[in-house]
Amino acid sequence: MTDPRPVISAVRDGRGLDGPGAALIAQGLADGSVSDAQAGAFAMAVLTRGVGPAGRVALTRAMRDSGHVLQWDLSGPVVDKHSTGGIGDTVSLVLAPLLAARGVFVPMISGRGLGHTGGTLDKLEAIPGYLCDQPEGDFRRIVRTVGCAIVAATGDVAPADRRLYAIRDESGTVESIDLITASILSKKLAAGLDALVLDVKAGSGAILKKPDSAARLAHALVETANGAGCRTSALITDMDQPLARSAGNALEVAEAMRVLHGQPGALRDLTLALAAECLQLAGLSPDGLEALLDNGTAAEIFGRMVAAQGGPRDLMDRPDAHLARAPVIVPVPIPAGQPAAQVGRIDVTALGHAVLALGGGRVRAGERIDHRVGLDRMVRLGEAVGPDHPLAMVHAADDTAAQIAVAAVQAAYTLGEGAPGPLIRDRITA
């Protein structure tokens, strides 16, 4: 069968999606034999009728197999994690070397940011010389010798997803859980993983703000990935406040490096929890993870990874010499006339948009970003602020941008009684 219309009709009529039908659609998306109109009709049919657990597995496998799937012959398990995105989420930069220090291999294929959440590759490109675009041979060599590498996807990784992703945006079908699941997993599973842990955010700074929506996606991801042959679990984690105290590319790299040198906080806590999940999925004990942060072993591996991908060899010893600083750095005071108080609520998405407005992110793919700008020293829920304790520090390219950001950050914080919720809201294993 080479005509996609019967497959589209079957999904539209509620008869589901089987393996051959999914393969036909995925291959047609990759080679162009499925038209844009047919792809849009397929996406709308999936959105309105769903394809069920078996159909999600079939579509994920077919989209994964529409391009090159890596295979590994290494001395330990191959693992990775994926986050649905948040503010101050620099887990990948700490997690990859931490897991490598524990003897597993992490071939992390990541993306760039779009919208209010930051991208892992944008953060790494704040490091002078760091090359995210690595030929497969170099990628394999770095993973084998260092234990981890964080790179951009090549054009032959899940090409069906790349085309369908754009069509979903144009056809108003972005919110389909089935299509989101297949999109995320087809790219991740193309890396040839033995195990995968998912960090699904919920809260005011997440893509999925409602807990029930995050739970539905987490269950779909875990069920589908396991059905596709990759041992997977998920943590549903808090995004009602930024994960770290920094938001902005160079600033987040600097904070990740401090965590690699033992700095406490939510970023460290979540990284340790996700690393423990990865190790347990791979059949290994999570014991000793904290020591690998505290004794500098994970930091040393991060430095080796950066050097292997073109960055400076002395980054860990001289970060200030390599990470660019914005020319204007100003505090964000509490609003005039407001007495000292606690932070009661944070509009985390608004903080992400403040970084976007400073030039630290992109609204459209391909836009240039300013790695220097962003926010740091952001206060957290329940913490005290006052005349001597600002809400945050703004790092900006000029005075005008700085003052606009100050106003945006002030508007994002609500003062009053408040306390943070749990960092990890739930754990999904099936």
Protein backbone atom coordinates (compact mmCIF):
# COMPACT_ATOMS: atom_id res chain seq x y z
CA MET A 1 0.00 0.00 0.00
CA THR A 2 1.44 3.38 -1.01
CA ASP A 3 -1.65 5.57 -0.76
CA PRO A 4 -1.83 7.32 2.65
CA ARG A 5 -5.54 8.14 2.35
CA PRO A 6 -6.82 4.81 3.74
CA VAL A 7 -4.55 5.26 6.76
CA ILE A 8 -5.86 8.79 7.34
CA SER A 9 -9.45 7.57 6.95
CA ALA A 10 -8.89 4.76 9.45
CA VAL A 11 -7.63 7.20 12.08
CA ARG A 12 -10.42 9.67 11.28
CA ASP A 13 -13.06 6.97 11.70
CA GLY A 14 -11.65 5.76 15.02
CA ARG A 15 -10.15 2.50 13.72
CA GLY A 16 -6.70 3.36 15.00
CA LEU A 17 -3.22 3.17 13.49
CA ASP A 18 -1.26 -0.04 12.95
CA GLY A 19 2.43 -0.57 12.25
CA PRO A 20 2.27 -0.69 8.43
CA GLY A 21 0.04 2.39 8.34
CA ALA A 22 2.35 4.33 10.65
CA ALA A 23 5.36 3.29 8.57
CA LEU A 24 3.69 4.48 5.37
CA ILE A 25 2.87 7.88 6.90
CA ALA A 26 6.33 8.33 8.45
CA GLN A 27 8.23 7.34 5.34
CA GLY A 28 5.99 9.55 3.23
CA LEU A 29 6.64 12.48 5.53
CA ALA A 30 10.38 11.86 5.23
CA ASP A 31 10.55 11.43 1.45
CA GLY A 32 7.80 13.89 0.47
CA SER A 33 5.36 11.34 -0.95
CA VAL A 34 2.82 12.39 1.71
CA SER A 35 1.64 15.88 0.75
CA ASP A 36 1.26 18.77 3.19
CA ALA A 37 -2.51 18.48 2.86
CA GLN A 38 -2.41 14.78 3.69
CA ALA A 39 -0.02 15.38 6.60
CA GLY A 40 -2.33 18.07 7.98
CA ALA A 41 -5.35 15.78 7.61
CA PHE A 42 -3.49 12.98 9.39
CA ALA A 43 -2.50 15.29 12.26
CA MET A 44 -6.08 16.56 12.63
CA ALA A 45 -7.42 13.01 12.61
CA VAL A 46 -4.98 12.03 15.36
CA LEU A 47 -5.92 15.12 17.39
CA THR A 48 -9.66 14.53 17.17
CA ARG A 49 -9.85 10.73 17.41
CA GLY A 50 -6.55 9.63 18.94
CA VAL A 51 -4.66 6.47 18.06
CA GLY A 52 -4.48 4.77 21.47
CA PRO A 53 -1.43 3.26 23.19
CA ALA A 54 -0.64 0.77 20.43
CA GLY A 55 -0.96 3.45 17.76
CA ARG A 56 1.38 5.77 19.71
CA VAL A 57 3.99 3.02 19.86
CA ALA A 58 3.60 2.30 16.14
CA LEU A 59 3.90 5.98 15.20
CA THR A 60 6.88 6.54 17.49
CA ARG A 61 8.76 3.56 16.06
CA ALA A 62 7.93 4.53 12.49
CA MET A 63 9.06 8.14 12.97
CA ARG A 64 12.22 6.97 14.74
CA ASP A 65 12.96 4.59 11.86
CA SER A 66 12.30 7.23 9.18
CA GLY A 67 15.97 8.23 9.52
CA HIS A 68 19.23 7.02 10.96
CA VAL A 69 19.09 5.14 14.28
CA LEU A 70 22.35 4.96 16.21
CA GLN A 71 23.69 1.68 17.55
CA TRP A 72 26.37 1.45 20.20
CA ASP A 73 28.97 -1.08 21.27
CA LEU A 74 30.18 0.35 24.57
CA SER A 75 31.28 -0.98 27.94
CA GLY A 76 28.21 0.29 29.80
CA PRO A 77 24.56 1.24 29.39
CA VAL A 78 23.51 4.10 27.10
CA VAL A 79 21.09 6.48 28.82
CA ASP A 80 19.60 9.96 28.46
CA LYS A 81 16.93 12.28 29.85
CA HIS A 82 14.43 14.67 28.30
CA SER A 83 12.75 17.69 29.85
CA THR A 84 9.56 19.30 28.58
CA GLY A 85 11.16 22.68 29.31
CA GLY A 86 11.18 25.32 31.99
CA ILE A 87 12.98 28.40 33.30
CA GLY A 88 16.42 27.95 34.84
CA ASP A 89 16.45 24.28 33.84
CA THR A 90 20.14 23.55 33.29
CA VAL A 91 19.93 19.93 34.43
CA SER A 92 21.46 18.49 31.24
CA LEU A 93 24.78 20.26 31.76
CA VAL A 94 25.14 18.67 35.20
CA LEU A 95 23.42 15.35 34.57
CA ALA A 96 25.41 14.20 31.53
CA PRO A 97 28.86 14.41 33.17
CA LEU A 98 27.49 13.11 36.48
CA LEU A 99 26.17 9.96 34.81
CA ALA A 100 29.36 9.59 32.81
CA ALA A 101 31.29 9.72 36.08
CA ARG A 102 29.15 6.81 37.24
CA GLY A 103 30.17 4.66 34.27
CA VAL A 104 27.23 5.01 31.91
CA PHE A 105 27.29 6.67 28.49
CA VAL A 106 25.18 9.69 27.61
CA PRO A 107 24.82 10.55 23.89
CA MET A 108 22.56 13.56 24.44
CA ILE A 109 20.93 14.95 21.29
CA SER A 110 19.39 18.27 22.31
CA GLY A 111 17.64 21.26 20.81
CA ARG A 112 17.66 25.04 20.76
CA GLY A 113 15.15 27.16 22.58
CA LEU A 114 12.02 28.59 21.03
CA GLY A 115 9.66 30.74 23.04
CA HIS A 116 9.92 31.36 26.77
CA THR A 117 11.89 28.22 27.69
CA GLY A 118 15.63 27.99 27.07
CA GLY A 119 17.43 25.43 24.91
CA THR A 120 20.35 23.29 26.05
CA LEU A 121 22.34 23.99 22.89
CA ASP A 122 21.93 27.76 23.28
CA LYS A 123 23.40 27.51 26.76
CA LEU A 124 26.37 25.49 25.60
CA GLU A 125 26.98 27.86 22.70
CA ALA A 126 27.58 30.58 25.29
CA ILE A 127 30.91 28.78 25.79
CA PRO A 128 33.38 30.12 23.20
CA GLY A 129 34.26 27.53 20.58
CA TYR A 130 31.76 24.88 21.71
CA LEU A 131 30.54 23.03 18.61
CA CYS A 132 27.08 21.52 18.89
CA ASP A 133 27.10 20.28 15.29
CA GLN A 134 29.36 17.23 15.41
CA PRO A 135 29.84 14.66 12.64
CA GLU A 136 28.65 11.25 13.75
CA GLY A 137 32.19 9.87 13.92
CA ASP A 138 33.28 12.63 16.27
CA PHE A 139 30.10 12.28 18.32
CA ARG A 140 30.78 8.58 18.78
CA ARG A 141 34.43 9.19 19.67
CA ILE A 142 33.57 11.79 22.32
CA VAL A 143 30.90 9.58 23.89
CA ARG A 144 33.31 6.63 23.97
CA THR A 145 36.30 8.51 25.38
CA VAL A 146 34.65 11.10 27.65
CA GLY A 147 31.44 9.28 28.52
CA CYS A 148 29.06 12.00 27.33
CA ALA A 149 28.48 14.49 24.55
CA ILE A 150 25.71 17.05 24.01
CA VAL A 151 25.08 17.75 20.33
CA ALA A 152 22.50 18.95 17.84
CA ALA A 153 20.49 16.47 15.78
CA THR A 154 21.74 15.84 12.27
CA GLY A 155 19.37 16.11 9.34
CA ASP A 156 18.87 12.36 9.15
CA VAL A 157 17.57 11.93 12.73
CA ALA A 158 13.79 11.33 12.64
CA PRO A 159 13.16 13.41 9.47
CA ALA A 160 9.46 12.49 9.59
CA ASP A 161 9.14 14.34 12.89
CA ARG A 162 10.87 17.45 11.57
CA ARG A 163 8.29 17.75 8.79
CA LEU A 164 5.28 16.84 10.91
CA TYR A 165 6.37 19.24 13.66
CA ALA A 166 6.12 22.20 11.27
CA ILE A 167 2.80 21.01 9.88
CA ARG A 168 1.32 20.60 13.38
CA ASP A 169 2.01 24.27 14.02
CA GLU A 170 0.30 25.31 10.78
CA SER A 171 -2.67 22.96 11.19
CA GLY A 172 -3.52 23.78 14.82
CA THR A 173 -2.73 20.28 16.12
CA VAL A 174 0.21 21.04 18.41
CA GLU A 175 -1.63 19.98 21.58
CA SER A 176 -2.26 16.36 20.55
CA ILE A 177 -0.79 14.11 23.27
CA ASP A 178 -0.28 11.33 20.70
CA LEU A 179 1.69 13.60 18.37
CA ILE A 180 3.68 15.25 21.20
CA THR A 181 4.64 11.81 22.48
CA ALA A 182 5.76 10.50 19.10
CA SER A 183 7.67 13.71 18.39
CA ILE A 184 9.64 13.68 21.65
CA LEU A 185 10.37 9.98 21.67
CA SER A 186 11.19 9.45 17.99
CA LYS A 187 14.15 11.82 18.31
CA LYS A 188 15.32 10.50 21.66
CA LEU A 189 15.04 6.82 20.76
CA ALA A 190 16.95 7.41 17.52
CA ALA A 191 20.01 7.84 19.77
CA GLY A 192 19.97 4.10 20.48
CA LEU A 193 19.22 4.31 24.19
CA ASP A 194 18.97 1.50 26.73
CA ALA A 195 17.13 3.73 29.21
CA LEU A 196 15.46 7.14 29.28
CA VAL A 197 14.18 9.31 32.11
CA LEU A 198 11.67 12.08 31.45
CA ASP A 199 11.30 15.33 33.38
CA VAL A 200 7.74 16.55 32.79
CA LYS A 201 7.23 20.05 34.16
CA ALA A 202 4.00 21.36 35.67
CA GLY A 203 3.27 24.86 36.91
CA SER A 204 3.24 28.49 35.85
CA GLY A 205 6.47 28.28 33.84
CA ALA A 206 5.76 24.97 32.09
CA ILE A 207 4.38 24.31 28.63
CA LEU A 208 1.75 22.16 30.38
CA LYS A 209 0.69 24.25 33.32
CA LYS A 210 -2.05 22.04 34.76
CA PRO A 211 -1.02 18.99 36.81
CA ASP A 212 -3.53 16.70 35.09
CA SER A 213 -2.18 17.64 31.64
CA ALA A 214 1.39 16.97 32.75
CA ALA A 215 0.32 13.62 34.23
CA ARG A 216 -1.41 12.57 31.00
CA LEU A 217 1.68 13.37 28.97
CA ALA A 218 4.00 11.64 31.44
CA HIS A 219 1.92 8.45 31.37
CA ALA A 220 1.75 8.52 27.56
CA LEU A 221 5.51 9.03 27.24
CA VAL A 222 6.43 6.30 29.69
CA GLU A 223 3.94 3.78 28.29
CA THR A 224 4.99 4.48 24.70
CA ALA A 225 8.74 4.44 25.27
CA ASN A 226 8.54 1.17 27.17
CA GLY A 227 6.32 -0.23 24.42
CA ALA A 228 8.96 0.79 21.88
CA GLY A 229 11.61 -1.17 23.78
CA CYS A 230 13.34 1.51 25.88
CA ARG A 231 13.19 1.26 29.68
CA THR A 232 11.66 4.58 30.75
CA SER A 233 10.26 6.38 33.77
CA ALA A 234 9.21 9.99 34.40
CA LEU A 235 9.25 12.50 37.19
CA ILE A 236 6.60 15.24 37.24
CA THR A 237 8.45 18.24 38.64
CA ASP A 238 7.63 21.72 39.87
CA MET A 239 7.79 24.77 37.59
CA ASP A 240 5.88 27.22 39.81
CA GLN A 241 9.28 28.82 40.35
CA PRO A 242 12.49 28.76 38.31
CA LEU A 243 14.54 25.63 38.91
CA ALA A 244 17.79 27.58 39.26
CA ARG A 245 18.43 31.15 40.33
CA SER A 246 19.63 32.11 36.83
CA ALA A 247 17.84 32.35 33.50
CA GLY A 248 19.90 33.25 30.46
CA ASN A 249 22.51 31.27 28.60
CA ALA A 250 25.93 32.26 29.99
CA LEU A 251 24.43 32.82 33.43
CA GLU A 252 22.95 29.32 33.46
CA VAL A 253 26.23 27.77 32.34
CA ALA A 254 27.97 29.52 35.22
CA GLU A 255 25.37 28.23 37.68
CA ALA A 256 25.61 24.69 36.31
CA MET A 257 29.36 24.83 36.84
CA ARG A 258 28.85 25.91 40.44
CA VAL A 259 26.55 22.92 40.97
CA LEU A 260 29.23 20.69 39.43
CA HIS A 261 31.53 22.06 42.11
CA GLY A 262 29.09 21.15 44.89
CA GLN A 263 26.71 24.12 45.20
CA PRO A 264 23.44 23.07 46.90
CA GLY A 265 19.95 23.96 45.72
CA ALA A 266 16.99 22.74 43.70
CA LEU A 267 19.05 22.31 40.51
CA ARG A 268 21.38 19.90 42.30
CA ASP A 269 18.50 18.08 44.01
CA LEU A 270 16.58 17.47 40.80
CA THR A 271 19.71 16.44 38.89
CA LEU A 272 20.50 13.84 41.55
CA ALA A 273 16.93 12.51 41.45
CA LEU A 274 16.93 12.19 37.66
CA ALA A 275 20.40 10.61 37.67
CA ALA A 276 19.22 8.05 40.24
CA GLU A 277 16.26 7.23 37.98
CA CYS A 278 18.59 6.71 35.01
CA LEU A 279 20.87 4.39 36.96
CA GLN A 280 18.02 2.32 38.35
CA LEU A 281 16.53 1.91 34.87
CA ALA A 282 19.95 0.75 33.68
CA GLY A 283 20.14 -1.79 36.51
CA LEU A 284 22.79 0.09 38.50
CA SER A 285 22.89 1.40 42.04
CA PRO A 286 22.46 5.16 42.51
CA ASP A 287 24.78 5.15 45.51
CA GLY A 288 27.64 7.63 45.44
CA LEU A 289 26.13 10.23 43.13
CA GLU A 290 26.45 13.11 45.60
CA ALA A 291 30.13 12.37 46.15
CA LEU A 292 30.79 12.67 42.40
CA LEU A 293 29.55 16.26 42.56
CA ASP A 294 31.28 17.11 45.82
CA ASN A 295 34.70 15.68 44.91
CA GLY A 296 34.94 17.31 41.48
CA THR A 297 34.78 14.13 39.39
CA ALA A 298 31.68 15.21 37.44
CA ALA A 299 33.14 18.72 36.99
CA GLU A 300 36.31 17.25 35.49
CA ILE A 301 34.27 15.24 32.97
CA PHE A 302 32.24 18.31 32.02
CA GLY A 303 35.50 20.16 31.34
CA ARG A 304 36.73 17.28 29.17
CA MET A 305 33.47 17.23 27.22
CA VAL A 306 33.64 20.98 26.59
CA ALA A 307 37.25 20.71 25.38
CA ALA A 308 36.44 17.71 23.17
CA GLN A 309 33.66 19.72 21.50
CA GLY A 310 35.89 22.72 20.77
CA GLY A 311 35.56 24.79 23.94
CA PRO A 312 38.36 26.14 26.13
CA ARG A 313 40.37 23.56 28.07
CA ASP A 314 40.53 25.75 31.17
CA LEU A 315 36.82 26.64 31.38
CA MET A 316 36.35 25.01 34.77
CA ASP A 317 39.33 26.86 36.25
CA ARG A 318 38.69 30.25 34.64
CA PRO A 319 34.96 30.59 33.84
CA ASP A 320 34.98 34.38 34.15
CA ALA A 321 37.64 34.57 31.45
CA HIS A 322 35.44 32.75 28.94
CA LEU A 323 31.78 33.45 29.72
CA ALA A 324 30.81 36.88 28.44
CA ARG A 325 29.18 39.37 30.80
CA ALA A 326 26.48 41.85 29.87
CA PRO A 327 27.56 45.52 30.00
CA VAL A 328 24.60 46.59 32.19
CA ILE A 329 23.81 44.78 35.45
CA VAL A 330 21.12 46.27 37.72
CA PRO A 331 19.05 45.04 40.66
CA VAL A 332 15.28 44.60 40.56
CA PRO A 333 13.95 46.36 43.66
CA ILE A 334 10.57 45.62 45.17
CA PRO A 335 7.96 48.14 44.00
CA ALA A 336 8.25 51.59 45.57
CA GLY A 337 6.42 51.91 48.87
CA GLN A 338 6.16 48.15 49.34
CA PRO A 339 7.39 47.00 52.77
CA ALA A 340 9.66 44.00 53.19
CA ALA A 341 7.74 40.79 52.61
CA GLN A 342 7.90 37.21 51.42
CA VAL A 343 7.48 36.02 47.85
CA GLY A 344 4.01 34.53 47.58
CA ARG A 345 3.70 33.70 43.89
CA ILE A 346 5.83 33.84 40.73
CA ASP A 347 4.62 34.07 37.15
CA VAL A 348 7.49 31.99 35.80
CA THR A 349 6.43 32.28 32.18
CA ALA A 350 6.67 36.07 32.56
CA LEU A 351 10.27 35.69 33.74
CA GLY A 352 10.99 33.65 30.62
CA HIS A 353 9.46 36.37 28.46
CA ALA A 354 11.62 38.96 30.25
CA VAL A 355 14.72 37.02 29.18
CA LEU A 356 13.29 36.81 25.65
CA ALA A 357 12.81 40.60 25.58
CA LEU A 358 16.40 41.10 26.70
CA GLY A 359 17.52 39.14 23.62
CA GLY A 360 18.32 35.91 25.46
CA GLY A 361 15.92 33.73 23.46
CA ARG A 362 14.14 33.54 20.14
CA VAL A 363 10.55 33.78 18.97
CA ARG A 364 11.27 32.33 15.51
CA ALA A 365 13.71 29.59 14.60
CA GLY A 366 17.05 30.89 13.37
CA GLU A 367 17.00 34.21 15.25
CA ARG A 368 20.29 35.26 16.84
CA ILE A 369 20.43 35.46 20.60
CA ASP A 370 22.60 37.38 23.05
CA HIS A 371 24.23 34.81 25.33
CA ARG A 372 25.25 37.47 27.88
CA VAL A 373 21.82 38.64 28.97
CA GLY A 374 19.31 37.29 31.46
CA LEU A 375 18.44 37.20 35.12
CA ASP A 376 20.29 35.87 38.13
CA ARG A 377 19.97 35.82 41.91
CA MET A 378 16.22 35.30 41.44
CA VAL A 379 14.49 34.91 44.78
CA ARG A 380 12.34 31.86 45.39
CA LEU A 381 8.92 31.27 46.89
CA GLY A 382 8.75 32.02 50.60
CA GLU A 383 12.01 33.98 50.65
CA ALA A 384 12.18 37.50 52.07
CA VAL A 385 12.66 40.58 49.91
CA GLY A 386 12.94 44.23 50.85
CA PRO A 387 14.94 47.41 50.25
CA ASP A 388 18.22 45.54 50.78
CA HIS A 389 17.11 42.28 49.17
CA PRO A 390 16.15 42.69 45.47
CA LEU A 391 13.98 40.29 43.52
CA ALA A 392 16.74 39.54 41.01
CA MET A 393 19.60 41.05 39.04
CA VAL A 394 19.06 41.98 35.40
CA HIS A 395 21.91 41.51 32.90
CA ALA A 396 21.20 43.59 29.79
CA ALA A 397 22.81 44.92 26.64
CA ASP A 398 21.82 48.53 27.40
CA ASP A 399 20.05 50.72 29.96
CA THR A 400 16.72 50.82 28.12
CA ALA A 401 16.48 47.03 27.90
CA ALA A 402 17.48 46.78 31.55
CA GLN A 403 14.70 49.07 32.75
CA ILE A 404 12.08 47.25 30.67
CA ALA A 405 13.24 43.98 32.21
CA VAL A 406 13.15 45.43 35.72
CA ALA A 407 9.48 46.32 35.28
CA ALA A 408 8.71 42.89 33.81
CA VAL A 409 10.36 41.06 36.70
CA GLN A 410 8.57 43.23 39.27
CA ALA A 411 5.25 42.36 37.62
CA ALA A 412 6.11 38.64 37.68
CA TYR A 413 6.48 38.53 41.46
CA THR A 414 3.57 38.72 43.90
CA LEU A 415 4.50 39.43 47.50
CA GLY A 416 2.67 37.83 50.39
CA GLU A 417 2.55 34.58 52.27
CA GLY A 418 3.71 31.65 50.23
CA ALA A 419 5.77 28.50 50.34
CA PRO A 420 7.14 26.24 47.64
CA GLY A 421 5.46 22.98 46.79
CA PRO A 422 7.40 19.74 46.43
CA LEU A 423 10.14 19.76 43.80
CA ILE A 424 9.09 16.29 42.61
CA ARG A 425 5.32 15.99 42.40
CA ASP A 426 5.02 12.41 41.16
CA ARG A 427 6.95 9.47 39.73
CA ILE A 428 5.53 7.57 36.76
CA THR A 429 6.81 4.10 35.95
CA ALA A 430 4.06 2.65 33.77
